Structure formats: structure tokens, C-alpha cells
Protein backbone atom coordinates (compact mmCIF):
# COMPACT_ATOMS: atom_id res chain seq x y z
CA UNK A 1 -8.01 287.43 -114.51
CA UNK A 2 -9.84 284.37 -113.23
CA UNK A 3 -10.51 284.50 -109.49
CA UNK A 4 -11.63 280.91 -109.25
CA UNK A 5 -10.02 277.84 -110.68
CA UNK A 6 -12.54 275.64 -112.46
CA UNK A 7 -11.02 272.55 -110.87
CA UNK A 8 -12.68 272.54 -107.45
CA UNK A 9 -10.78 269.36 -106.51
CA UNK A 10 -7.60 271.44 -106.05
CA UNK A 11 -9.25 273.85 -103.63
CA UNK A 12 -9.76 273.45 -99.88
CA UNK A 13 -13.35 272.38 -100.68
CA UNK A 14 -12.03 269.57 -102.85
CA UNK A 15 -9.60 268.50 -100.15
CA UNK A 16 -12.44 268.50 -97.62
CA UNK A 17 -14.53 266.36 -99.97
CA UNK A 18 -11.57 263.96 -100.18
CA UNK A 19 -11.40 263.78 -96.37
CA UNK A 20 -15.13 263.02 -96.28
CA UNK A 21 -14.59 260.19 -98.77
CA UNK A 22 -11.79 258.80 -96.60
CA UNK A 23 -14.15 258.86 -93.61
CA UNK A 24 -16.72 257.03 -95.74
CA UNK A 25 -14.10 254.43 -96.57
CA UNK A 26 -13.29 254.05 -92.89
CA UNK A 27 -16.98 253.49 -92.14
CA UNK A 28 -17.19 250.84 -94.89
CA UNK A 29 -14.06 249.16 -93.54
CA UNK A 30 -15.58 249.12 -90.04
CA UNK A 31 -18.81 247.61 -91.37
CA UNK A 32 -16.83 244.92 -93.16
CA UNK A 33 -14.94 244.12 -89.94
CA UNK A 34 -18.17 243.86 -87.93
CA UNK A 35 -19.68 241.62 -90.61
CA UNK A 36 -16.66 239.30 -90.67
CA UNK A 37 -16.54 239.11 -86.88
CA UNK A 38 -20.27 238.36 -86.80
CA UNK A 39 -20.04 235.61 -89.42
CA UNK A 40 -16.98 234.00 -87.85
CA UNK A 41 -18.57 234.19 -84.42
CA UNK A 42 -21.82 232.68 -85.65
CA UNK A 43 -19.94 229.87 -87.42
CA UNK A 44 -17.41 229.01 -84.71
CA UNK A 45 -19.01 229.70 -81.34
CA UNK A 46 -22.65 230.16 -82.30
CA UNK A 47 -22.73 233.82 -81.25
CA UNK A 48 -22.89 236.72 -83.68
CA UNK A 49 -22.51 240.44 -83.12
CA UNK A 50 -25.79 241.70 -81.71
CA UNK A 51 -27.34 244.31 -84.01
CA UNK A 52 -24.96 243.70 -86.89
CA UNK A 53 -27.73 244.40 -89.40
CA UNK A 54 -28.47 247.73 -87.73
CA UNK A 55 -24.80 248.67 -87.69
CA UNK A 56 -24.55 247.81 -91.39
CA UNK A 57 -27.70 249.73 -92.28
CA UNK A 58 -26.74 252.89 -90.43
CA UNK A 59 -23.10 252.73 -91.47
CA UNK A 60 -23.94 252.38 -95.15
CA UNK A 61 -26.28 255.37 -95.00
CA UNK A 62 -23.52 257.48 -93.46
CA UNK A 63 -20.89 256.21 -95.92
CA UNK A 64 -23.03 257.05 -98.95
CA UNK A 65 -23.48 260.60 -97.68
CA UNK A 66 -19.73 260.89 -97.09
CA UNK A 67 -18.95 259.75 -100.65
CA UNK A 68 -21.33 262.20 -102.37
CA UNK A 69 -19.21 265.39 -102.17
CA UNK A 70 -16.13 263.78 -103.76
CA UNK A 71 -18.28 262.14 -106.43
CA UNK A 72 -19.67 265.57 -107.31
CA UNK A 73 -16.28 267.30 -107.20
CA UNK A 74 -14.77 264.71 -109.54
CA UNK A 75 -17.86 264.73 -111.75
CA UNK A 76 -18.36 261.05 -111.10
CA UNK A 77 -22.11 261.12 -111.59
CA UNK A 78 -23.63 259.34 -114.55
CA UNK A 79 -23.76 261.48 -117.67
CA UNK A 80 -25.68 260.36 -120.73
CA UNK A 81 -24.17 262.20 -123.68
CA UNK A 82 -26.44 260.74 -126.33
CA UNK A 83 -27.85 264.17 -127.19
CA UNK A 84 -24.73 266.23 -126.45
CA UNK A 85 -22.10 264.16 -128.26
CA UNK A 86 -22.00 266.56 -131.20
CA UNK A 87 -22.60 269.82 -129.31
CA UNK A 88 -20.08 272.63 -129.15
CA UNK A 89 -17.98 273.19 -126.03
CA UNK A 90 -19.97 276.32 -125.27
CA UNK A 91 -23.25 274.40 -125.31
CA UNK A 92 -21.82 271.64 -123.12
CA UNK A 93 -20.50 274.21 -120.61
CA UNK A 94 -23.92 275.86 -120.55
CA UNK A 95 -25.66 272.52 -119.94
CA UNK A 96 -23.08 271.65 -117.25
CA UNK A 97 -23.82 274.95 -115.54
CA UNK A 98 -27.54 274.19 -115.57
CA UNK A 99 -26.72 270.78 -114.08
CA UNK A 100 -24.58 272.44 -111.40
CA UNK A 101 -27.42 274.83 -110.60
CA UNK A 102 -29.94 272.00 -110.28
CA UNK A 103 -27.55 269.90 -108.20
CA UNK A 104 -26.87 272.84 -105.90
CA UNK A 105 -30.56 273.61 -105.42
CA UNK A 106 -31.40 269.98 -104.71
CA UNK A 107 -28.44 269.68 -102.33
CA UNK A 108 -29.68 272.68 -100.38
CA UNK A 109 -33.22 271.28 -100.27
CA UNK A 110 -31.95 267.85 -99.18
CA UNK A 111 -29.77 269.39 -96.45
CA UNK A 112 -32.74 271.38 -95.18
CA UNK A 113 -35.13 268.42 -95.22
CA UNK A 114 -32.55 266.14 -93.58
CA UNK A 115 -32.07 268.73 -90.83
CA UNK A 116 -35.81 268.82 -90.20
CA UNK A 117 -36.01 265.02 -90.20
CA UNK A 118 -33.08 264.77 -87.78
CA UNK A 119 -34.69 267.26 -85.41
CA UNK A 120 -37.93 265.30 -85.56
CA UNK A 121 -36.13 262.00 -84.98
CA UNK A 122 -34.50 263.52 -81.90
CA UNK A 123 -37.78 264.96 -80.58
CA UNK A 124 -39.55 261.61 -80.92
CA UNK A 125 -36.59 259.61 -79.58
CA UNK A 126 -36.42 257.51 -82.74
CA UNK A 127 -33.96 254.66 -82.31
CA UNK A 128 -32.91 251.34 -83.75
CA UNK A 129 -34.77 248.23 -82.63
CA UNK A 130 -32.05 246.01 -81.14
CA UNK A 131 -29.20 248.31 -80.10
CA UNK A 132 -31.47 251.27 -79.38
CA UNK A 133 -29.06 253.63 -81.15
CA UNK A 134 -30.52 257.10 -81.67
CA UNK A 135 -31.39 257.72 -85.31
CA UNK A 136 -30.85 261.49 -85.32
CA UNK A 137 -27.07 261.30 -85.56
CA UNK A 138 -27.29 259.63 -88.98
CA UNK A 139 -29.05 262.75 -90.20
CA UNK A 140 -26.16 264.92 -88.99
CA UNK A 141 -23.80 263.19 -91.45
CA UNK A 142 -26.33 263.74 -94.23
CA UNK A 143 -26.82 267.42 -93.45
CA UNK A 144 -23.09 268.10 -93.31
CA UNK A 145 -22.38 266.16 -96.52
CA UNK A 146 -25.22 267.74 -98.47
CA UNK A 147 -24.15 271.17 -97.22
CA UNK A 148 -20.64 270.49 -98.53
CA UNK A 149 -22.15 269.43 -101.87
CA UNK A 150 -24.10 272.70 -101.92
CA UNK A 151 -20.99 274.78 -101.27
CA UNK A 152 -19.06 272.90 -103.98
CA UNK A 153 -21.97 273.51 -106.38
CA UNK A 154 -21.96 277.22 -105.54
CA UNK A 155 -18.21 277.26 -106.15
CA UNK A 156 -18.66 275.67 -109.59
CA UNK A 157 -21.40 278.14 -110.47
CA UNK A 158 -19.30 281.10 -109.33
CA UNK A 159 -16.32 279.87 -111.35
CA UNK A 160 -18.54 279.50 -114.43
CA UNK A 161 -20.04 282.99 -114.04
CA UNK A 162 -16.63 284.60 -113.49
CA UNK A 163 -15.30 283.00 -116.64
CA UNK A 164 -13.40 280.03 -115.31
CA UNK A 165 -13.20 277.15 -117.71
CA UNK A 166 -15.43 274.26 -116.83
CA UNK A 167 -13.44 271.11 -116.06
CA UNK A 168 -14.15 267.89 -117.91
């Protein structure tokens, strides 16, 4: 009896990753709207949105973090199968498990380091130049997203150890 399904996208974790990706899409949409408003304003009335570059920079950083969990869940990362094209399924599952382990470890390390950086940014009152937006809240999105990636990686590893088939 398999306790875990190998397809993490059908679990609550996968659904949460999907919600994160939708939030990332909403952030990208908002950035696009600010950019269009800024360009139209600059062209028509000579006034652009103040700090539009800062909004774009911070928003893109947050959006990328929000897209990472779904990319991992759907196995959307780049895979070079030059050396594994003729390997057996067992070998490929083993290599995928090693990849999941490495991804999980790095996700945990990134979440930890982002948390430390966010705390430091808050302590030193780091902020953007024009709008004076605090920088620490960008790190919160990164910590939460990388933590979700870590939990999804742990789920994949647990499913592999308990005998669940690895999804393609």
C-alpha cells in the first residue's frame, strides 16, 4: 500500500503551489499595469509613476519566488538528458531522487539565508531609494516560497522512499 501519491501536484501542497503561482501572476499583471500607466503618463502629460523602476524590481523578485514552487511540483526545471537517455527507469528514478534531495537541501539553505537577510534588512532599515519602501518584506515572500519548495521536496523524497512511483 502506497501512503503517498507520487504526483505532488494533486495534493494540498500542489494546490498551494498553484495558488502561489496565481499570486505571482497577479504581481506580474500589477507590474505590467504600473508600467503601462507610467509610459502613457510620460508620453501624454509628461508625468510618469514615481518609483516605477523600484516597483518593477521588487515585484519581479517576489513573482519569481512565487513561481518556483509550482515549477518544482510540475518538474518544469531544465533537465539535460544527454547522459540518461538510455538509462533504465530505475536509474532515472534514483537520479531524480538525488536531484530531489539536492533541491530540498538547497531550498532549506536558501530559506534560512533569506530569513537572516530579511532580519538584517529590517534591523538596518534597508529601503528603496525613491519610494523608501522597506526591503525586508521582499524577503518574507522568498522565505515562504522556498519553505514551500522544501516541503514539496520532502514530500517527493518520502514518496520515493515509501515506494511511490516517481512522476515524469
